[in-house]
C-alpha atoms as a PDB file:
ATOM      1  CA  UNK A   1      24.232  27.724 -24.814  1.00  0.00           C
ATOM      2  CA  UNK A   2      26.562  24.502 -24.576  1.00  0.00           C
ATOM      3  CA  UNK A   3      24.677  24.321 -20.971  1.00  0.00           C
ATOM      4  CA  UNK A   4      21.367  23.426 -22.269  1.00  0.00           C
ATOM      5  CA  UNK A   5      21.868  20.527 -23.194  1.00  0.00           C
ATOM      6  CA  UNK A   6      23.723  19.169 -20.618  1.00  0.00           C
ATOM      7  CA  UNK A   7      20.508  20.737 -18.260  1.00  0.00           C
ATOM      8  CA  UNK A   8      18.461  19.053 -20.172  1.00  0.00           C
ATOM      9  CA  UNK A   9      19.956  15.471 -20.152  1.00  0.00           C
ATOM     10  CA  UNK A  10      20.683  16.301 -15.898  1.00  0.00           C
ATOM     11  CA  UNK A  11      17.178  16.631 -15.800  1.00  0.00           C
ATOM     12  CA  UNK A  12      16.522  13.736 -18.161  1.00  0.00           C
ATOM     13  CA  UNK A  13      18.568  11.531 -15.818  1.00  0.00           C
ATOM     14  CA  UNK A  14      16.734  12.686 -12.310  1.00  0.00           C
ATOM     15  CA  UNK A  15      13.922  12.123 -14.389  1.00  0.00           C
ATOM     16  CA  UNK A  16      14.333   8.775 -14.795  1.00  0.00           C
ATOM     17  CA  UNK A  17      15.829   8.023 -11.275  1.00  0.00           C
ATOM     18  CA  UNK A  18      12.434   9.459 -10.031  1.00  0.00           C
ATOM     19  CA  UNK A  19       9.903   8.095 -12.230  1.00  0.00           C
ATOM     20  CA  UNK A  20      11.921   4.777 -11.196  1.00  0.00           C
ATOM     21  CA  UNK A  21      11.351   5.187  -7.369  1.00  0.00           C
ATOM     22  CA  UNK A  22       7.697   6.023  -8.139  1.00  0.00           C
ATOM     23  CA  UNK A  23       7.251   3.048 -10.114  1.00  0.00           C
ATOM     24  CA  UNK A  24       8.794   0.783  -7.322  1.00  0.00           C
ATOM     25  CA  UNK A  25       6.813   2.561  -4.191  1.00  0.00           C
ATOM     26  CA  UNK A  26       3.419   1.487  -6.445  1.00  0.00           C
ATOM     27  CA  UNK A  27       4.307  -2.163  -7.285  1.00  0.00           C
ATOM     28  CA  UNK A  28       5.357  -2.451  -3.702  1.00  0.00           C
ATOM     29  CA  UNK A  29       2.458  -1.064  -2.709  1.00  0.00           C
ATOM     30  CA  UNK A  30       0.015  -3.248  -5.348  1.00  0.00           C
ATOM     31  CA  UNK A  31       1.505  -6.299  -4.681  1.00  0.00           C
ATOM     32  CA  UNK A  32       1.193  -6.252  -1.183  1.00  0.00           C
ATOM     33  CA  UNK A  33      -2.624  -5.505  -1.694  1.00  0.00           C
ATOM     34  CA  UNK A  34      -2.629  -8.608  -4.011  1.00  0.00           C
ATOM     35  CA  UNK A  35      -4.130 -12.681  -3.863  1.00  0.00           C
ATOM     36  CA  UNK A  36      -5.527 -12.441   0.009  1.00  0.00           C
ATOM     37  CA  UNK A  37      -8.228 -14.528   1.240  1.00  0.00           C
ATOM     38  CA  UNK A  38     -10.993 -13.394   3.231  1.00  0.00           C
ATOM     39  CA  UNK A  39     -10.471 -13.767   6.506  1.00  0.00           C
ATOM     40  CA  UNK A  40     -10.475 -11.148   8.574  1.00  0.00           C
ATOM     41  CA  UNK A  41      -6.906  -9.243   9.806  1.00  0.00           C
ATOM     42  CA  UNK A  42      -8.030  -7.377  12.550  1.00  0.00           C
ATOM     43  CA  UNK A  43      -9.325  -9.529  15.241  1.00  0.00           C
ATOM     44  CA  UNK A  44      -8.933 -12.410  17.342  1.00  0.00           C
ATOM     45  CA  UNK A  45      -8.932 -15.884  15.076  1.00  0.00           C
ATOM     46  CA  UNK A  46      -9.660 -19.323  17.126  1.00  0.00           C
ATOM     47  CA  UNK A  47      -7.090 -21.701  15.730  1.00  0.00           C
ATOM     48  CA  UNK A  48      -4.445 -18.740  15.495  1.00  0.00           C
ATOM     49  CA  UNK A  49      -2.131 -16.780  13.456  1.00  0.00           C
ATOM     50  CA  UNK A  50       0.945 -18.673  11.133  1.00  0.00           C
ATOM     51  CA  UNK A  51       3.498 -15.493  10.373  1.00  0.00           C
ATOM     52  CA  UNK A  52       5.891 -17.244   7.772  1.00  0.00           C
ATOM     53  CA  UNK A  53       8.918 -15.173   7.106  1.00  0.00           C
ATOM     54  CA  UNK A  54      10.777 -16.716   3.989  1.00  0.00           C
ATOM     55  CA  UNK A  55      14.800 -16.333   3.556  1.00  0.00           C
ATOM     56  CA  UNK A  56      17.072 -15.009   1.230  1.00  0.00           C
ATOM     57  CA  UNK A  57      20.196 -16.570  -0.169  1.00  0.00           C
ATOM     58  CA  UNK A  58      22.651 -16.008   2.929  1.00  0.00           C
ATOM     59  CA  UNK A  59      26.306 -17.070   3.387  1.00  0.00           C
ATOM     60  CA  UNK A  60      26.451 -15.936   7.188  1.00  0.00           C
ATOM     61  CA  UNK A  61      27.581 -16.024   9.538  1.00  0.00           C
ATOM     62  CA  UNK A  62      24.423 -13.379  10.716  1.00  0.00           C
ATOM     63  CA  UNK A  63      21.507 -12.407   8.908  1.00  0.00           C
ATOM     64  CA  UNK A  64      22.408 -10.229   5.900  1.00  0.00           C
ATOM     65  CA  UNK A  65      21.034  -7.311   4.604  1.00  0.00           C
ATOM     66  CA  UNK A  66      17.796  -8.954   3.282  1.00  0.00           C
ATOM     67  CA  UNK A  67      17.384 -11.355   5.661  1.00  0.00           C
ATOM     68  CA  UNK A  68      17.116  -8.376   8.659  1.00  0.00           C
ATOM     69  CA  UNK A  69      14.608  -6.538   6.624  1.00  0.00           C
ATOM     70  CA  UNK A  70      12.199 -10.329   6.314  1.00  0.00           C
ATOM     71  CA  UNK A  71      12.749 -10.238   9.454  1.00  0.00           C
ATOM     72  CA  UNK A  72      11.319  -6.973  10.697  1.00  0.00           C
ATOM     73  CA  UNK A  73       8.363  -7.185   8.141  1.00  0.00           C
ATOM     74  CA  UNK A  74       7.640 -10.242   9.675  1.00  0.00           C
ATOM     75  CA  UNK A  75       7.805  -9.271  14.178  1.00  0.00           C
ATOM     76  CA  UNK A  76       5.823  -6.372  12.876  1.00  0.00           C
ATOM     77  CA  UNK A  77       3.417  -8.300  11.267  1.00  0.00           C
ATOM     78  CA  UNK A  78       1.962 -10.158  13.630  1.00  0.00           C
ATOM     79  CA  UNK A  79      -1.919  -9.501  14.476  1.00  0.00           C
ATOM     80  CA  UNK A  80      -1.888 -10.902  17.997  1.00  0.00           C
ATOM     81  CA  UNK A  81       0.764 -11.970  21.328  1.00  0.00           C
ATOM     82  CA  UNK A  82       0.474 -15.899  20.596  1.00  0.00           C
ATOM     83  CA  UNK A  83       1.200 -15.374  17.302  1.00  0.00           C
ATOM     84  CA  UNK A  84       3.625 -18.419  15.635  1.00  0.00           C
ATOM     85  CA  UNK A  85       6.869 -17.174  13.753  1.00  0.00           C
ATOM     86  CA  UNK A  86       7.949 -19.168  11.429  1.00  0.00           C
ATOM     87  CA  UNK A  87      11.009 -18.412   9.493  1.00  0.00           C
ATOM     88  CA  UNK A  88      12.157 -20.819   6.104  1.00  0.00           C
ATOM     89  CA  UNK A  89      14.564 -21.374   4.325  1.00  0.00           C
ATOM     90  CA  UNK A  90      17.790 -24.164   3.940  1.00  0.00           C
ATOM     91  CA  UNK A  91      21.188 -23.561   3.253  1.00  0.00           C
ATOM     92  CA  UNK A  92      21.101 -22.462  -0.582  1.00  0.00           C
ATOM     93  CA  UNK A  93      24.412 -19.818  -0.186  1.00  0.00           C
ATOM     94  CA  UNK A  94      26.570 -20.511   3.126  1.00  0.00           C
ATOM     95  CA  UNK A  95      26.544 -23.507   5.823  1.00  0.00           C
ATOM     96  CA  UNK A  96      24.253 -22.086   8.165  1.00  0.00           C
ATOM     97  CA  UNK A  97      20.416 -22.618   7.126  1.00  0.00           C
ATOM     98  CA  UNK A  98      18.788 -18.877   6.874  1.00  0.00           C
ATOM     99  CA  UNK A  99      15.855 -19.974   8.745  1.00  0.00           C
ATOM    100  CA  UNK A 100      18.513 -20.059  11.015  1.00  0.00           C
ATOM    101  CA  UNK A 101      19.841 -17.190  10.718  1.00  0.00           C
ATOM    102  CA  UNK A 102      16.810 -15.139  10.721  1.00  0.00           C
ATOM    103  CA  UNK A 103      15.625 -16.486  14.201  1.00  0.00           C
ATOM    104  CA  UNK A 104      18.937 -15.765  15.572  1.00  0.00           C
ATOM    105  CA  UNK A 105      18.450 -11.956  14.294  1.00  0.00           C
ATOM    106  CA  UNK A 106      15.018 -11.476  16.132  1.00  0.00           C
ATOM    107  CA  UNK A 107      15.947 -13.340  19.872  1.00  0.00           C
ATOM    108  CA  UNK A 108      19.292 -11.615  19.625  1.00  0.00           C
ATOM    109  CA  UNK A 109      18.430  -8.398  17.888  1.00  0.00           C
ATOM    110  CA  UNK A 110      14.698  -7.506  18.669  1.00  0.00           C
ATOM    111  CA  UNK A 111      14.489  -9.914  22.102  1.00  0.00           C
ATOM    112  CA  UNK A 112      11.459 -11.811  20.440  1.00  0.00           C
ATOM    113  CA  UNK A 113      10.379 -14.878  22.662  1.00  0.00           C
ATOM    114  CA  UNK A 114       7.116 -16.196  21.173  1.00  0.00           C
ATOM    115  CA  UNK A 115       6.172 -19.249  19.679  1.00  0.00           C
ATOM    116  CA  UNK A 116       8.980 -19.644  16.868  1.00  0.00           C
ATOM    117  CA  UNK A 117       9.161 -22.571  14.266  1.00  0.00           C
ATOM    118  CA  UNK A 118      12.208 -23.436  12.044  1.00  0.00           C
ATOM    119  CA  UNK A 119      11.961 -25.400   8.693  1.00  0.00           C
ATOM    120  CA  UNK A 120      14.888 -25.396   7.160  1.00  0.00           C
ATOM    121  CA  UNK A 121      15.503 -27.738   4.211  1.00  0.00           C
ATOM    122  CA  UNK A 122      14.044 -25.025   1.405  1.00  0.00           C
ATOM    123  CA  UNK A 123      16.267 -24.538  -1.757  1.00  0.00           C
ATOM    124  CA  UNK A 124      13.182 -22.647  -3.695  1.00  0.00           C
ATOM    125  CA  UNK A 125      10.090 -20.170  -2.761  1.00  0.00           C
ATOM    126  CA  UNK A 126       7.866 -23.262  -4.324  1.00  0.00           C
ATOM    127  CA  UNK A 127      10.465 -25.399  -1.313  1.00  0.00           C
ATOM    128  CA  UNK A 128       9.324 -23.126   1.803  1.00  0.00           C
ATOM    129  CA  UNK A 129       5.677 -22.493   0.559  1.00  0.00           C
ATOM    130  CA  UNK A 130       5.208 -26.554   0.161  1.00  0.00           C
ATOM    131  CA  UNK A 131       7.419 -27.323   3.758  1.00  0.00           C
ATOM    132  CA  UNK A 132       5.651 -24.943   5.614  1.00  0.00           C
ATOM    133  CA  UNK A 133       1.896 -25.937   5.212  1.00  0.00           C
ATOM    134  CA  UNK A 134       2.300 -28.689   7.797  1.00  0.00           C
ATOM    135  CA  UNK A 135       3.010 -26.007  10.106  1.00  0.00           C
ATOM    136  CA  UNK A 136       0.259 -23.711   8.888  1.00  0.00           C
ATOM    137  CA  UNK A 137      -2.615 -25.876   7.285  1.00  0.00           C
ATOM    138  CA  UNK A 138      -4.007 -25.600  11.102  1.00  0.00           C
ATOM    139  CA  UNK A 139      -4.313 -21.415  11.425  1.00  0.00           C
ATOM    140  CA  UNK A 140      -7.229 -19.490  10.182  1.00  0.00           C
ATOM    141  CA  UNK A 141      -5.246 -16.589   9.833  1.00  0.00           C
ATOM    142  CA  UNK A 142      -1.867 -16.643   7.165  1.00  0.00           C
ATOM    143  CA  UNK A 143       0.435 -14.138   6.485  1.00  0.00           C
ATOM    144  CA  UNK A 144       3.433 -14.714   4.130  1.00  0.00           C
ATOM    145  CA  UNK A 145       6.240 -12.266   4.743  1.00  0.00           C
ATOM    146  CA  UNK A 146       9.293 -11.100   2.354  1.00  0.00           C
ATOM    147  CA  UNK A 147       9.559  -8.182  -0.265  1.00  0.00           C
ATOM    148  CA  UNK A 148       6.021  -7.608  -1.390  1.00  0.00           C
ATOM    149  CA  UNK A 149       6.371  -8.907  -4.850  1.00  0.00           C
ATOM    150  CA  UNK A 150       8.190 -11.869  -3.452  1.00  0.00           C
ATOM    151  CA  UNK A 151       5.406 -12.809  -0.988  1.00  0.00           C
ATOM    152  CA  UNK A 152       2.727 -12.769  -3.740  1.00  0.00           C
ATOM    153  CA  UNK A 153       4.930 -14.880  -5.487  1.00  0.00           C
ATOM    154  CA  UNK A 154       4.609 -16.989  -2.448  1.00  0.00           C
ATOM    155  CA  UNK A 155       1.337 -17.050  -1.758  1.00  0.00           C
ATOM    156  CA  UNK A 156       0.998 -18.080  -5.562  1.00  0.00           C
ATOM    157  CA  UNK A 157       2.290 -21.006  -5.340  1.00  0.00           C
ATOM    158  CA  UNK A 158      -0.004 -21.473  -1.484  1.00  0.00           C
ATOM    159  CA  UNK A 159      -2.712 -21.163  -4.079  1.00  0.00           C
ATOM    160  CA  UNK A 160      -1.498 -23.638  -6.457  1.00  0.00           C
ATOM    161  CA  UNK A 161      -0.423 -26.332  -3.871  1.00  0.00           C
ATOM    162  CA  UNK A 162      -3.002 -25.657  -1.310  1.00  0.00           C
ATOM    163  CA  UNK A 163      -6.120 -24.244  -2.913  1.00  0.00           C
ATOM    164  CA  UNK A 164      -8.169 -24.431   0.652  1.00  0.00           C
ATOM    165  CA  UNK A 165      -6.003 -22.583   1.937  1.00  0.00           C
ATOM    166  CA  UNK A 166      -5.806 -18.533  -0.136  1.00  0.00           C
ATOM    167  CA  UNK A 167      -9.330 -17.943   1.390  1.00  0.00           C
ATOM    168  CA  UNK A 168      -7.106 -17.490   4.843  1.00  0.00           C
ATOM    169  CA  UNK A 169      -4.131 -15.405   3.616  1.00  0.00           C
ATOM    170  CA  UNK A 170      -3.658 -11.813   4.903  1.00  0.00           C
ATOM    171  CA  UNK A 171      -1.772  -8.995   4.273  1.00  0.00           C
ATOM    172  CA  UNK A 172       1.334  -8.834   6.222  1.00  0.00           C
ATOM    173  CA  UNK A 173       3.289  -5.658   6.450  1.00  0.00           C
ATOM    174  CA  UNK A 174       6.345  -6.008   4.660  1.00  0.00           C
ATOM    175  CA  UNK A 175       5.399  -2.488   2.421  1.00  0.00           C
ATOM    176  CA  UNK A 176       6.404   0.513   4.294  1.00  0.00           C
ATOM    177  CA  UNK A 177       5.978   3.863   1.644  1.00  0.00           C
ATOM    178  CA  UNK A 178      10.126   4.899   1.530  1.00  0.00           C
ATOM    179  CA  UNK A 179      11.399   1.990   3.003  1.00  0.00           C
ATOM    180  CA  UNK A 180      14.924   0.847   1.562  1.00  0.00           C
ATOM    181  CA  UNK A 181      14.100   3.560  -1.722  1.00  0.00           C
ATOM    182  CA  UNK A 182      16.876   2.726  -3.088  1.00  0.00           C
ATOM    183  CA  UNK A 183      17.120  -0.779  -2.660  1.00  0.00           C
ATOM    184  CA  UNK A 184      13.789  -1.418  -3.854  1.00  0.00           C
ATOM    185  CA  UNK A 185      13.787  -0.508  -7.415  1.00  0.00           C
ATOM    186  CA  UNK A 186      16.180  -3.595  -8.600  1.00  0.00           C
ATOM    187  CA  UNK A 187      13.937  -5.788  -5.602  1.00  0.00           C
ATOM    188  CA  UNK A 188      11.400  -5.486  -8.166  1.00  0.00           C
ATOM    189  CA  UNK A 189      12.503  -5.537 -11.535  1.00  0.00           C
ATOM    190  CA  UNK A 190      14.098  -8.591 -10.411  1.00  0.00           C
ATOM    191  CA  UNK A 191      11.479  -9.643  -8.612  1.00  0.00           C
ATOM    192  CA  UNK A 192       8.892  -9.197 -11.098  1.00  0.00           C
ATOM    193  CA  UNK A 193      10.827 -11.081 -13.697  1.00  0.00           C
ATOM    194  CA  UNK A 194      11.136 -14.181 -12.034  1.00  0.00           C
ATOM    195  CA  UNK A 195       6.976 -13.746 -10.668  1.00  0.00           C
ATOM    196  CA  UNK A 196       6.248 -13.331 -14.312  1.00  0.00           C
ATOM    197  CA  UNK A 197       8.716 -16.619 -15.202  1.00  0.00           C
ATOM    198  CA  UNK A 198       6.554 -18.107 -12.748  1.00  0.00           C
ATOM    199  CA  UNK A 199       3.472 -17.682 -14.419  1.00  0.00           C
ATOM    200  CA  UNK A 200       3.841 -17.929 -17.790  1.00  0.00           C
ATOM    201  CA  UNK A 201       6.716 -21.056 -18.052  1.00  0.00           C
ATOM    202  CA  UNK A 202       5.459 -24.419 -17.410  1.00  0.00           C
ATOM    203  CA  UNK A 203       8.370 -25.997 -15.013  1.00  0.00           C
ATOM    204  CA  UNK A 204       9.612 -22.602 -13.560  1.00  0.00           C
ATOM    205  CA  UNK A 205       7.998 -22.346  -9.927  1.00  0.00           C
ATOM    206  CA  UNK A 206       9.210 -26.445  -9.069  1.00  0.00           C
ATOM    207  CA  UNK A 207      12.574 -25.975 -10.971  1.00  0.00           C
ATOM    208  CA  UNK A 208      14.043 -22.614 -10.643  1.00  0.00           C
ATOM    209  CA  UNK A 209      15.990 -23.815  -7.996  1.00  0.00           C
ATOM    210  CA  UNK A 210      17.902 -25.368  -9.843  1.00  0.00           C
ATOM    211  CA  UNK A 211      18.868 -23.642 -12.278  1.00  0.00           C
ATOM    212  CA  UNK A 212      19.502 -20.005  -9.978  1.00  0.00           C
ATOM    213  CA  UNK A 213      21.022 -21.790  -6.832  1.00  0.00           C
ATOM    214  CA  UNK A 214      24.551 -20.797  -8.288  1.00  0.00           C
ATOM    215  CA  UNK A 215      23.513 -16.867  -8.875  1.00  0.00           C
ATOM    216  CA  UNK A 216      21.672 -16.388  -5.296  1.00  0.00           C
ATOM    217  CA  UNK A 217      25.671 -17.645  -4.475  1.00  0.00           C
ATOM    218  CA  UNK A 218      26.908 -15.530  -6.122  1.00  0.00           C
ATOM    219  CA  UNK A 219      24.976 -12.532  -5.210  1.00  0.00           C
ATOM    220  CA  UNK A 220      24.407 -13.521  -1.541  1.00  0.00           C
ATOM    221  CA  UNK A 221      28.527 -12.901  -1.923  1.00  0.00           C
ATOM    222  CA  UNK A 222      28.239  -9.379  -1.780  1.00  0.00           C
ATOM    223  CA  UNK A 223      26.177  -8.970   1.035  1.00  0.00           C
ATOM    224  CA  UNK A 224      27.658  -6.098   2.966  1.00  0.00           C
ATOM    225  CA  UNK A 225      30.814  -6.556   4.958  1.00  0.00           C
ATOM    226  CA  UNK A 226      28.614  -6.188   8.463  1.00  0.00           C
ATOM    227  CA  UNK A 227      26.372  -9.016   7.350  1.00  0.00           C
ATOM    228  CA  UNK A 228      29.469 -11.676   8.172  1.00  0.00           C
ATOM    229  CA  UNK A 229      30.946 -10.379  11.173  1.00  0.00           C
ATOM    230  CA  UNK A 230      30.503 -13.117  14.312  1.00  0.00           C
ATOM    231  CA  UNK A 231      27.479 -14.492  15.499  1.00  0.00           C
ATOM    232  CA  UNK A 232      26.188 -14.101  19.088  1.00  0.00           C
ATOM    233  CA  UNK A 233      26.619 -16.664  21.616  1.00  0.00           C
ATOM    234  CA  UNK A 234      23.257 -17.653  22.429  1.00  0.00           C
ATOM    235  CA  UNK A 235      20.677 -19.190  20.001  1.00  0.00           C
ATOM    236  CA  UNK A 236      17.138 -19.500  19.041  1.00  0.00           C
ATOM    237  CA  UNK A 237      14.183 -21.070  20.896  1.00  0.00           C
ATOM    238  CA  UNK A 238      12.065 -23.059  18.713  1.00  0.00           C
ATOM    239  CA  UNK A 239       8.946 -23.798  19.957  1.00  0.00           C
ATOM    240  CA  UNK A 240       6.696 -26.643  18.649  1.00  0.00           C
ATOM    241  CA  UNK A 241       3.102 -25.392  17.433  1.00  0.00           C
ATOM    242  CA  UNK A 242       1.628 -28.189  19.421  1.00  0.00           C
ATOM    243  CA  UNK A 243       3.577 -26.992  22.572  1.00  0.00           C
ATOM    244  CA  UNK A 244       2.887 -23.143  21.941  1.00  0.00           C
ATOM    245  CA  UNK A 245      -0.870 -23.651  21.678  1.00  0.00           C
END
């Protein structure tokens, strides 16, 4: 008889875990479809497509897990062979900007050789968007890539900063069912907290980097050890939007 309560507790624990995983999947899927524009994401566009991949705090010397995931999502989000791939992120947690770490991973690991631009000064999502606007404002289709909840926050910031560009937003392929399943609940929970603060707390969107920079550096230092191997010698080829046109 004493085993029954223990069995119930075990079943309850399993139910909680399954529920958390399922909730993270649903939230991620829904976030990937929110705040999109009216542009058709399946046709060619006269002035091309810009795919913006947002960086995550990363000590280097090579791209960590989160940035590797974002690079993969960015590459598969491209609809056109000549899409401009833009990596955005400054040196928040280490000496090398996040954008450079992601660009190296795209070129070294995946052999990417298409149009490529780097934005290496931003230190927050708000700054990411402000810094890439000059790179994307001439594109007919804009795709923002990150974890789905974070990408949703970035689309919100684009709507605040440049409402005229919001109609050009198309869905990124940054959500796949079951992808990074165990990692997803924590990412979604933190993302929702930050999204809520950005929506409801005045000034949070612009100034959150000042308070969170130390936290981002701390979290970045617990990246898996395999992310700290020495980088390969090759460097990304950076092509400006004008040169690629």
